[in-house]
Amino acid sequence: HAGAIFMGRYTGESLGDYCAGPNH
């Protein structure tokens, strides 16, 4: 259960907010 899972120390959540690809 999680909306988005950011894996590994280089995967800051803010990258998902803007440009990683999956929806924020």
mmCIF file of all heavy atoms, coordinates in Angstrom:
data_MODEL
# 
_entry.id   MODEL 
# 
loop_
_atom_site.group_PDB 
_atom_site.id 
_atom_site.type_symbol 
_atom_site.label_atom_id 
_atom_site.label_alt_id 
_atom_site.label_comp_id 
_atom_site.label_asym_id 
_atom_site.label_entity_id 
_atom_site.label_seq_id 
_atom_site.pdbx_PDB_ins_code 
_atom_site.Cartn_x 
_atom_site.Cartn_y 
_atom_site.Cartn_z 
_atom_site.occupancy 
_atom_site.B_iso_or_equiv 
_atom_site.pdbx_formal_charge 
_atom_site.auth_seq_id 
_atom_site.auth_comp_id 
_atom_site.auth_asym_id 
_atom_site.auth_atom_id 
_atom_site.pdbx_PDB_model_num 
ATOM 1   N N   . HIS A 1 1  ? 0.826  -1.204 0.000   1.00 0.00 ? 1  HIS A N   1 
ATOM 2   C CA  . HIS A 1 1  ? 0.000  0.000  0.000   1.00 0.00 ? 1  HIS A CA  1 
ATOM 3   C C   . HIS A 1 1  ? 0.863  1.258  0.000   1.00 0.00 ? 1  HIS A C   1 
ATOM 4   O O   . HIS A 1 1  ? 1.461  1.630  1.018   1.00 0.00 ? 1  HIS A O   1 
ATOM 5   C CB  . HIS A 1 1  ? -0.907 0.025  1.228   1.00 0.00 ? 1  HIS A CB  1 
ATOM 6   C CG  . HIS A 1 1  ? -1.688 -1.235 1.441   1.00 0.00 ? 1  HIS A CG  1 
ATOM 7   N ND1 . HIS A 1 1  ? -2.484 -1.783 0.467   1.00 0.00 ? 1  HIS A ND1 1 
ATOM 8   C CD2 . HIS A 1 1  ? -1.785 -2.063 2.508   1.00 0.00 ? 1  HIS A CD2 1 
ATOM 9   C CE1 . HIS A 1 1  ? -3.052 -2.891 0.927   1.00 0.00 ? 1  HIS A CE1 1 
ATOM 10  N NE2 . HIS A 1 1  ? -2.633 -3.080 2.168   1.00 0.00 ? 1  HIS A NE2 1 
ATOM 11  N N   . ALA A 1 2  ? 0.924  1.925  -1.154  1.00 0.00 ? 2  ALA A N   1 
ATOM 12  C CA  . ALA A 1 2  ? 1.619  3.207  -1.272  1.00 0.00 ? 2  ALA A CA  1 
ATOM 13  C C   . ALA A 1 2  ? 1.208  3.832  -2.596  1.00 0.00 ? 2  ALA A C   1 
ATOM 14  O O   . ALA A 1 2  ? 1.006  3.122  -3.586  1.00 0.00 ? 2  ALA A O   1 
ATOM 15  C CB  . ALA A 1 2  ? 3.132  3.025  -1.212  1.00 0.00 ? 2  ALA A CB  1 
ATOM 16  N N   . GLY A 1 3  ? 1.101  5.153  -2.603  1.00 0.00 ? 3  GLY A N   1 
ATOM 17  C CA  . GLY A 1 3  ? 0.758  5.823  -3.853  1.00 0.00 ? 3  GLY A CA  1 
ATOM 18  C C   . GLY A 1 3  ? 1.873  5.700  -4.877  1.00 0.00 ? 3  GLY A C   1 
ATOM 19  O O   . GLY A 1 3  ? 1.662  5.321  -6.018  1.00 0.00 ? 3  GLY A O   1 
ATOM 20  N N   . ALA A 1 4  ? 3.084  6.008  -4.458  1.00 0.00 ? 4  ALA A N   1 
ATOM 21  C CA  . ALA A 1 4  ? 4.263  5.873  -5.314  1.00 0.00 ? 4  ALA A CA  1 
ATOM 22  C C   . ALA A 1 4  ? 5.427  5.416  -4.447  1.00 0.00 ? 4  ALA A C   1 
ATOM 23  O O   . ALA A 1 4  ? 5.590  5.871  -3.309  1.00 0.00 ? 4  ALA A O   1 
ATOM 24  C CB  . ALA A 1 4  ? 4.598  7.197  -5.998  1.00 0.00 ? 4  ALA A CB  1 
ATOM 25  N N   . ILE A 1 5  ? 6.245  4.522  -4.986  1.00 0.00 ? 5  ILE A N   1 
ATOM 26  C CA  . ILE A 1 5  ? 7.385  3.970  -4.261  1.00 0.00 ? 5  ILE A CA  1 
ATOM 27  C C   . ILE A 1 5  ? 8.661  4.461  -4.945  1.00 0.00 ? 5  ILE A C   1 
ATOM 28  O O   . ILE A 1 5  ? 8.890  4.198  -6.129  1.00 0.00 ? 5  ILE A O   1 
ATOM 29  C CB  . ILE A 1 5  ? 7.350  2.433  -4.255  1.00 0.00 ? 5  ILE A CB  1 
ATOM 30  C CG1 . ILE A 1 5  ? 6.031  1.929  -3.666  1.00 0.00 ? 5  ILE A CG1 1 
ATOM 31  C CG2 . ILE A 1 5  ? 8.531  1.877  -3.463  1.00 0.00 ? 5  ILE A CG2 1 
ATOM 32  C CD1 . ILE A 1 5  ? 5.822  0.431  -3.815  1.00 0.00 ? 5  ILE A CD1 1 
ATOM 33  N N   . PHE A 1 6  ? 9.483  5.186  -4.193  1.00 0.00 ? 6  PHE A N   1 
ATOM 34  C CA  . PHE A 1 6  ? 10.730 5.746  -4.702  1.00 0.00 ? 6  PHE A CA  1 
ATOM 35  C C   . PHE A 1 6  ? 11.866 4.873  -4.171  1.00 0.00 ? 6  PHE A C   1 
ATOM 36  O O   . PHE A 1 6  ? 12.101 4.803  -2.969  1.00 0.00 ? 6  PHE A O   1 
ATOM 37  C CB  . PHE A 1 6  ? 10.889 7.195  -4.238  1.00 0.00 ? 6  PHE A CB  1 
ATOM 38  C CG  . PHE A 1 6  ? 9.779  8.090  -4.730  1.00 0.00 ? 6  PHE A CG  1 
ATOM 39  C CD1 . PHE A 1 6  ? 8.557  8.117  -4.074  1.00 0.00 ? 6  PHE A CD1 1 
ATOM 40  C CD2 . PHE A 1 6  ? 9.958  8.888  -5.849  1.00 0.00 ? 6  PHE A CD2 1 
ATOM 41  C CE1 . PHE A 1 6  ? 7.521  8.924  -4.529  1.00 0.00 ? 6  PHE A CE1 1 
ATOM 42  C CE2 . PHE A 1 6  ? 8.926  9.701  -6.307  1.00 0.00 ? 6  PHE A CE2 1 
ATOM 43  C CZ  . PHE A 1 6  ? 7.711  9.714  -5.655  1.00 0.00 ? 6  PHE A CZ  1 
ATOM 44  N N   . MET A 1 7  ? 12.576 4.217  -5.070  1.00 0.00 ? 7  MET A N   1 
ATOM 45  C CA  . MET A 1 7  ? 13.504 3.168  -4.673  1.00 0.00 ? 7  MET A CA  1 
ATOM 46  C C   . MET A 1 7  ? 14.956 3.617  -4.790  1.00 0.00 ? 7  MET A C   1 
ATOM 47  O O   . MET A 1 7  ? 15.411 4.023  -5.855  1.00 0.00 ? 7  MET A O   1 
ATOM 48  C CB  . MET A 1 7  ? 13.270 1.923  -5.531  1.00 0.00 ? 7  MET A CB  1 
ATOM 49  C CG  . MET A 1 7  ? 11.866 1.337  -5.376  1.00 0.00 ? 7  MET A CG  1 
ATOM 50  S SD  . MET A 1 7  ? 11.625 -0.180 -6.318  1.00 0.00 ? 7  MET A SD  1 
ATOM 51  C CE  . MET A 1 7  ? 11.705 0.442  -7.994  1.00 0.00 ? 7  MET A CE  1 
ATOM 52  N N   . GLY A 1 8  ? 15.673 3.541  -3.678  1.00 0.00 ? 8  GLY A N   1 
ATOM 53  C CA  . GLY A 1 8  ? 17.102 3.833  -3.677  1.00 0.00 ? 8  GLY A CA  1 
ATOM 54  C C   . GLY A 1 8  ? 17.412 5.248  -3.242  1.00 0.00 ? 8  GLY A C   1 
ATOM 55  O O   . GLY A 1 8  ? 16.595 6.166  -3.348  1.00 0.00 ? 8  GLY A O   1 
ATOM 56  N N   . ARG A 1 9  ? 18.645 5.444  -2.769  1.00 0.00 ? 9  ARG A N   1 
ATOM 57  C CA  . ARG A 1 9  ? 19.006 6.729  -2.163  1.00 0.00 ? 9  ARG A CA  1 
ATOM 58  C C   . ARG A 1 9  ? 19.048 7.885  -3.160  1.00 0.00 ? 9  ARG A C   1 
ATOM 59  O O   . ARG A 1 9  ? 18.960 9.044  -2.767  1.00 0.00 ? 9  ARG A O   1 
ATOM 60  C CB  . ARG A 1 9  ? 20.356 6.590  -1.440  1.00 0.00 ? 9  ARG A CB  1 
ATOM 61  C CG  . ARG A 1 9  ? 21.542 6.323  -2.342  1.00 0.00 ? 9  ARG A CG  1 
ATOM 62  C CD  . ARG A 1 9  ? 22.847 6.274  -1.544  1.00 0.00 ? 9  ARG A CD  1 
ATOM 63  N NE  . ARG A 1 9  ? 22.846 5.177  -0.597  1.00 0.00 ? 9  ARG A NE  1 
ATOM 64  C CZ  . ARG A 1 9  ? 23.334 3.966  -0.879  1.00 0.00 ? 9  ARG A CZ  1 
ATOM 65  N NH1 . ARG A 1 9  ? 23.816 3.705  -2.104  1.00 0.00 ? 9  ARG A NH1 1 
ATOM 66  N NH2 . ARG A 1 9  ? 23.321 3.014  0.014   1.00 0.00 ? 9  ARG A NH2 1 
ATOM 67  N N   . TYR A 1 10 ? 19.168 7.595  -4.446  1.00 0.00 ? 10 TYR A N   1 
ATOM 68  C CA  . TYR A 1 10 ? 19.233 8.673  -5.437  1.00 0.00 ? 10 TYR A CA  1 
ATOM 69  C C   . TYR A 1 10 ? 17.849 9.084  -5.954  1.00 0.00 ? 10 TYR A C   1 
ATOM 70  O O   . TYR A 1 10 ? 17.731 10.010 -6.747  1.00 0.00 ? 10 TYR A O   1 
ATOM 71  C CB  . TYR A 1 10 ? 20.126 8.271  -6.615  1.00 0.00 ? 10 TYR A CB  1 
ATOM 72  C CG  . TYR A 1 10 ? 21.590 8.232  -6.250  1.00 0.00 ? 10 TYR A CG  1 
ATOM 73  C CD1 . TYR A 1 10 ? 22.214 7.033  -5.964  1.00 0.00 ? 10 TYR A CD1 1 
ATOM 74  C CD2 . TYR A 1 10 ? 22.336 9.404  -6.161  1.00 0.00 ? 10 TYR A CD2 1 
ATOM 75  C CE1 . TYR A 1 10 ? 23.555 6.987  -5.600  1.00 0.00 ? 10 TYR A CE1 1 
ATOM 76  C CE2 . TYR A 1 10 ? 23.680 9.377  -5.806  1.00 0.00 ? 10 TYR A CE2 1 
ATOM 77  C CZ  . TYR A 1 10 ? 24.284 8.163  -5.518  1.00 0.00 ? 10 TYR A CZ  1 
ATOM 78  O OH  . TYR A 1 10 ? 25.606 8.136  -5.151  1.00 0.00 ? 10 TYR A OH  1 
ATOM 79  N N   . THR A 1 11 ? 16.823 8.385  -5.496  1.00 0.00 ? 11 THR A N   1 
ATOM 80  C CA  . THR A 1 11 ? 15.474 8.642  -6.000  1.00 0.00 ? 11 THR A CA  1 
ATOM 81  C C   . THR A 1 11 ? 14.719 9.540  -5.034  1.00 0.00 ? 11 THR A C   1 
ATOM 82  O O   . THR A 1 11 ? 13.877 9.088  -4.262  1.00 0.00 ? 11 THR A O   1 
ATOM 83  C CB  . THR A 1 11 ? 14.716 7.313  -6.214  1.00 0.00 ? 11 THR A CB  1 
ATOM 84  O OG1 . THR A 1 11 ? 15.578 6.390  -6.873  1.00 0.00 ? 11 THR A OG1 1 
ATOM 85  C CG2 . THR A 1 11 ? 13.477 7.534  -7.070  1.00 0.00 ? 11 THR A CG2 1 
ATOM 86  N N   . GLY A 1 12 ? 15.034 10.817 -5.073  1.00 0.00 ? 12 GLY A N   1 
ATOM 87  C CA  . GLY A 1 12 ? 14.329 11.776 -4.232  1.00 0.00 ? 12 GLY A CA  1 
ATOM 88  C C   . GLY A 1 12 ? 12.897 11.950 -4.696  1.00 0.00 ? 12 GLY A C   1 
ATOM 89  O O   . GLY A 1 12 ? 12.611 11.942 -5.903  1.00 0.00 ? 12 GLY A O   1 
ATOM 90  N N   . GLU A 1 13 ? 11.990 12.114 -3.753  1.00 0.00 ? 13 GLU A N   1 
ATOM 91  C CA  . GLU A 1 13 ? 10.566 12.242 -4.082  1.00 0.00 ? 13 GLU A CA  1 
ATOM 92  C C   . GLU A 1 13 ? 10.297 13.420 -5.012  1.00 0.00 ? 13 GLU A C   1 
ATOM 93  O O   . GLU A 1 13 ? 9.394  13.363 -5.849  1.00 0.00 ? 13 GLU A O   1 
ATOM 94  C CB  . GLU A 1 13 ? 9.759  12.365 -2.786  1.00 0.00 ? 13 GLU A CB  1 
ATOM 95  C CG  . GLU A 1 13 ? 8.261  12.432 -2.970  1.00 0.00 ? 13 GLU A CG  1 
ATOM 96  C CD  . GLU A 1 13 ? 7.783  13.841 -3.301  1.00 0.00 ? 13 GLU A CD  1 
ATOM 97  O OE1 . GLU A 1 13 ? 8.439  14.806 -2.863  1.00 0.00 ? 13 GLU A OE1 1 
ATOM 98  O OE2 . GLU A 1 13 ? 6.760  13.969 -4.011  1.00 0.00 ? 13 GLU A OE2 1 
ATOM 99  N N   . SER A 1 14 ? 11.065 14.477 -4.900  1.00 0.00 ? 14 SER A N   1 
ATOM 100 C CA  . SER A 1 14 ? 10.808 15.665 -5.718  1.00 0.00 ? 14 SER A CA  1 
ATOM 101 C C   . SER A 1 14 ? 10.983 15.382 -7.214  1.00 0.00 ? 14 SER A C   1 
ATOM 102 O O   . SER A 1 14 ? 10.352 16.030 -8.055  1.00 0.00 ? 14 SER A O   1 
ATOM 103 C CB  . SER A 1 14 ? 11.714 16.821 -5.290  1.00 0.00 ? 14 SER A CB  1 
ATOM 104 O OG  . SER A 1 14 ? 13.079 16.487 -5.460  1.00 0.00 ? 14 SER A OG  1 
ATOM 105 N N   . LEU A 1 15 ? 11.814 14.384 -7.560  1.00 0.00 ? 15 LEU A N   1 
ATOM 106 C CA  . LEU A 1 15 ? 11.946 14.023 -8.977  1.00 0.00 ? 15 LEU A CA  1 
ATOM 107 C C   . LEU A 1 15 ? 10.622 13.481 -9.505  1.00 0.00 ? 15 LEU A C   1 
ATOM 108 O O   . LEU A 1 15 ? 10.256 13.715 -10.657 1.00 0.00 ? 15 LEU A O   1 
ATOM 109 C CB  . LEU A 1 15 ? 13.055 12.980 -9.153  1.00 0.00 ? 15 LEU A CB  1 
ATOM 110 C CG  . LEU A 1 15 ? 14.460 13.401 -8.713  1.00 0.00 ? 15 LEU A CG  1 
ATOM 111 C CD1 . LEU A 1 15 ? 15.459 12.285 -8.994  1.00 0.00 ? 15 LEU A CD1 1 
ATOM 112 C CD2 . LEU A 1 15 ? 14.889 14.687 -9.411  1.00 0.00 ? 15 LEU A CD2 1 
ATOM 113 N N   . GLY A 1 16 ? 9.906  12.752 -8.659  1.00 0.00 ? 16 GLY A N   1 
ATOM 114 C CA  . GLY A 1 16 ? 8.594  12.248 -9.050  1.00 0.00 ? 16 GLY A CA  1 
ATOM 115 C C   . GLY A 1 16 ? 7.572  13.353 -9.186  1.00 0.00 ? 16 GLY A C   1 
ATOM 116 O O   . GLY A 1 16 ? 6.647  13.260 -10.003 1.00 0.00 ? 16 GLY A O   1 
ATOM 117 N N   . ASP A 1 17 ? 7.728  14.404 -8.401  1.00 0.00 ? 17 ASP A N   1 
ATOM 118 C CA  . ASP A 1 17 ? 6.796  15.527 -8.485  1.00 0.00 ? 17 ASP A CA  1 
ATOM 119 C C   . ASP A 1 17 ? 6.837  16.200 -9.843  1.00 0.00 ? 17 ASP A C   1 
ATOM 120 O O   . ASP A 1 17 ? 5.829  16.744 -10.299 1.00 0.00 ? 17 ASP A O   1 
ATOM 121 C CB  . ASP A 1 17 ? 7.122  16.568 -7.411  1.00 0.00 ? 17 ASP A CB  1 
ATOM 122 C CG  . ASP A 1 17 ? 6.480  16.249 -6.072  1.00 0.00 ? 17 ASP A CG  1 
ATOM 123 O OD1 . ASP A 1 17 ? 5.613  15.356 -6.030  1.00 0.00 ? 17 ASP A OD1 1 
ATOM 124 O OD2 . ASP A 1 17 ? 6.842  16.893 -5.072  1.00 0.00 ? 17 ASP A OD2 1 
ATOM 125 N N   . TYR A 1 18 ? 8.005  16.191 -10.473 1.00 0.00 ? 18 TYR A N   1 
ATOM 126 C CA  . TYR A 1 18 ? 8.185  17.008 -11.663 1.00 0.00 ? 18 TYR A CA  1 
ATOM 127 C C   . TYR A 1 18 ? 8.436  16.247 -12.959 1.00 0.00 ? 18 TYR A C   1 
ATOM 128 O O   . TYR A 1 18 ? 7.831  16.563 -13.975 1.00 0.00 ? 18 TYR A O   1 
ATOM 129 C CB  . TYR A 1 18 ? 9.345  17.991 -11.433 1.00 0.00 ? 18 TYR A CB  1 
ATOM 130 C CG  . TYR A 1 18 ? 9.070  18.974 -10.335 1.00 0.00 ? 18 TYR A CG  1 
ATOM 131 C CD1 . TYR A 1 18 ? 9.719  18.878 -9.112  1.00 0.00 ? 18 TYR A CD1 1 
ATOM 132 C CD2 . TYR A 1 18 ? 8.130  19.981 -10.495 1.00 0.00 ? 18 TYR A CD2 1 
ATOM 133 C CE1 . TYR A 1 18 ? 9.454  19.770 -8.078  1.00 0.00 ? 18 TYR A CE1 1 
ATOM 134 C CE2 . TYR A 1 18 ? 7.853  20.871 -9.482  1.00 0.00 ? 18 TYR A CE2 1 
ATOM 135 C CZ  . TYR A 1 18 ? 8.517  20.769 -8.277  1.00 0.00 ? 18 TYR A CZ  1 
ATOM 136 O OH  . TYR A 1 18 ? 8.232  21.637 -7.267  1.00 0.00 ? 18 TYR A OH  1 
ATOM 137 N N   . CYS A 1 19 ? 9.304  15.287 -12.954 1.00 0.00 ? 19 CYS A N   1 
ATOM 138 C CA  . CYS A 1 19 ? 9.774  14.833 -14.260 1.00 0.00 ? 19 CYS A CA  1 
ATOM 139 C C   . CYS A 1 19 ? 10.137 13.364 -14.387 1.00 0.00 ? 19 CYS A C   1 
ATOM 140 O O   . CYS A 1 19 ? 10.565 12.945 -15.471 1.00 0.00 ? 19 CYS A O   1 
ATOM 141 C CB  . CYS A 1 19 ? 10.984 15.677 -14.681 1.00 0.00 ? 19 CYS A CB  1 
ATOM 142 S SG  . CYS A 1 19 ? 12.345 15.647 -13.476 1.00 0.00 ? 19 CYS A SG  1 
ATOM 143 N N   . ALA A 1 20 ? 10.007 12.549 -13.343 1.00 0.00 ? 20 ALA A N   1 
ATOM 144 C CA  . ALA A 1 20 ? 10.398 11.140 -13.476 1.00 0.00 ? 20 ALA A CA  1 
ATOM 145 C C   . ALA A 1 20 ? 9.551  10.432 -14.533 1.00 0.00 ? 20 ALA A C   1 
ATOM 146 O O   . ALA A 1 20 ? 10.062 9.673  -15.349 1.00 0.00 ? 20 ALA A O   1 
ATOM 147 C CB  . ALA A 1 20 ? 10.285 10.421 -12.136 1.00 0.00 ? 20 ALA A CB  1 
ATOM 148 N N   . GLY A 1 21 ? 8.239  10.704 -14.509 1.00 0.00 ? 21 GLY A N   1 
ATOM 149 C CA  . GLY A 1 21 ? 7.349  10.075 -15.488 1.00 0.00 ? 21 GLY A CA  1 
ATOM 150 C C   . GLY A 1 21 ? 6.011  9.669  -14.914 1.00 0.00 ? 21 GLY A C   1 
ATOM 151 O O   . GLY A 1 21 ? 4.959  10.021 -15.443 1.00 0.00 ? 21 GLY A O   1 
ATOM 152 N N   . PRO A 1 22 ? 5.981  8.879  -13.815 1.00 0.00 ? 22 PRO A N   1 
ATOM 153 C CA  . PRO A 1 22 ? 4.706  8.524  -13.192 1.00 0.00 ? 22 PRO A CA  1 
ATOM 154 C C   . PRO A 1 22 ? 3.966  9.757  -12.680 1.00 0.00 ? 22 PRO A C   1 
ATOM 155 O O   . PRO A 1 22 ? 4.569  10.808 -12.448 1.00 0.00 ? 22 PRO A O   1 
ATOM 156 C CB  . PRO A 1 22 ? 5.134  7.606  -12.036 1.00 0.00 ? 22 PRO A CB  1 
ATOM 157 C CG  . PRO A 1 22 ? 6.419  7.018  -12.495 1.00 0.00 ? 22 PRO A CG  1 
ATOM 158 C CD  . PRO A 1 22 ? 7.111  8.125  -13.243 1.00 0.00 ? 22 PRO A CD  1 
ATOM 159 N N   . ASN A 1 23 ? 2.673  9.610  -12.474 1.00 0.00 ? 23 ASN A N   1 
ATOM 160 C CA  . ASN A 1 23 ? 1.856  10.751 -12.094 1.00 0.00 ? 23 ASN A CA  1 
ATOM 161 C C   . ASN A 1 23 ? 2.077  11.137 -10.645 1.00 0.00 ? 23 ASN A C   1 
ATOM 162 O O   . ASN A 1 23 ? 2.273  10.290 -9.780  1.00 0.00 ? 23 ASN A O   1 
ATOM 163 C CB  . ASN A 1 23 ? 0.375  10.441 -12.332 1.00 0.00 ? 23 ASN A CB  1 
ATOM 164 C CG  . ASN A 1 23 ? -0.394 11.684 -12.688 1.00 0.00 ? 23 ASN A CG  1 
ATOM 165 O OD1 . ASN A 1 23 ? -0.663 12.536 -11.853 1.00 0.00 ? 23 ASN A OD1 1 
ATOM 166 N ND2 . ASN A 1 23 ? -0.742 11.812 -13.965 1.00 0.00 ? 23 ASN A ND2 1 
ATOM 167 N N   . HIS A 1 24 ? 2.027  12.444 -10.371 1.00 0.00 ? 24 HIS A N   1 
ATOM 168 C CA  . HIS A 1 24 ? 2.179  12.891 -8.986  1.00 0.00 ? 24 HIS A CA  1 
ATOM 169 C C   . HIS A 1 24 ? 0.833  13.125 -8.297  1.00 0.00 ? 24 HIS A C   1 
ATOM 170 O O   . HIS A 1 24 ? 0.804  13.521 -7.129  1.00 0.00 ? 24 HIS A O   1 
ATOM 171 C CB  . HIS A 1 24 ? 3.071  14.141 -8.899  1.00 0.00 ? 24 HIS A CB  1 
ATOM 172 C CG  . HIS A 1 24 ? 2.417  15.433 -9.273  1.00 0.00 ? 24 HIS A CG  1 
ATOM 173 N ND1 . HIS A 1 24 ? 3.144  16.589 -9.496  1.00 0.00 ? 24 HIS A ND1 1 
ATOM 174 C CD2 . HIS A 1 24 ? 1.124  15.806 -9.448  1.00 0.00 ? 24 HIS A CD2 1 
ATOM 175 C CE1 . HIS A 1 24 ? 2.321  17.592 -9.774  1.00 0.00 ? 24 HIS A CE1 1 
ATOM 176 N NE2 . HIS A 1 24 ? 1.096  17.126 -9.752  1.00 0.00 ? 24 HIS A NE2 1 
# 
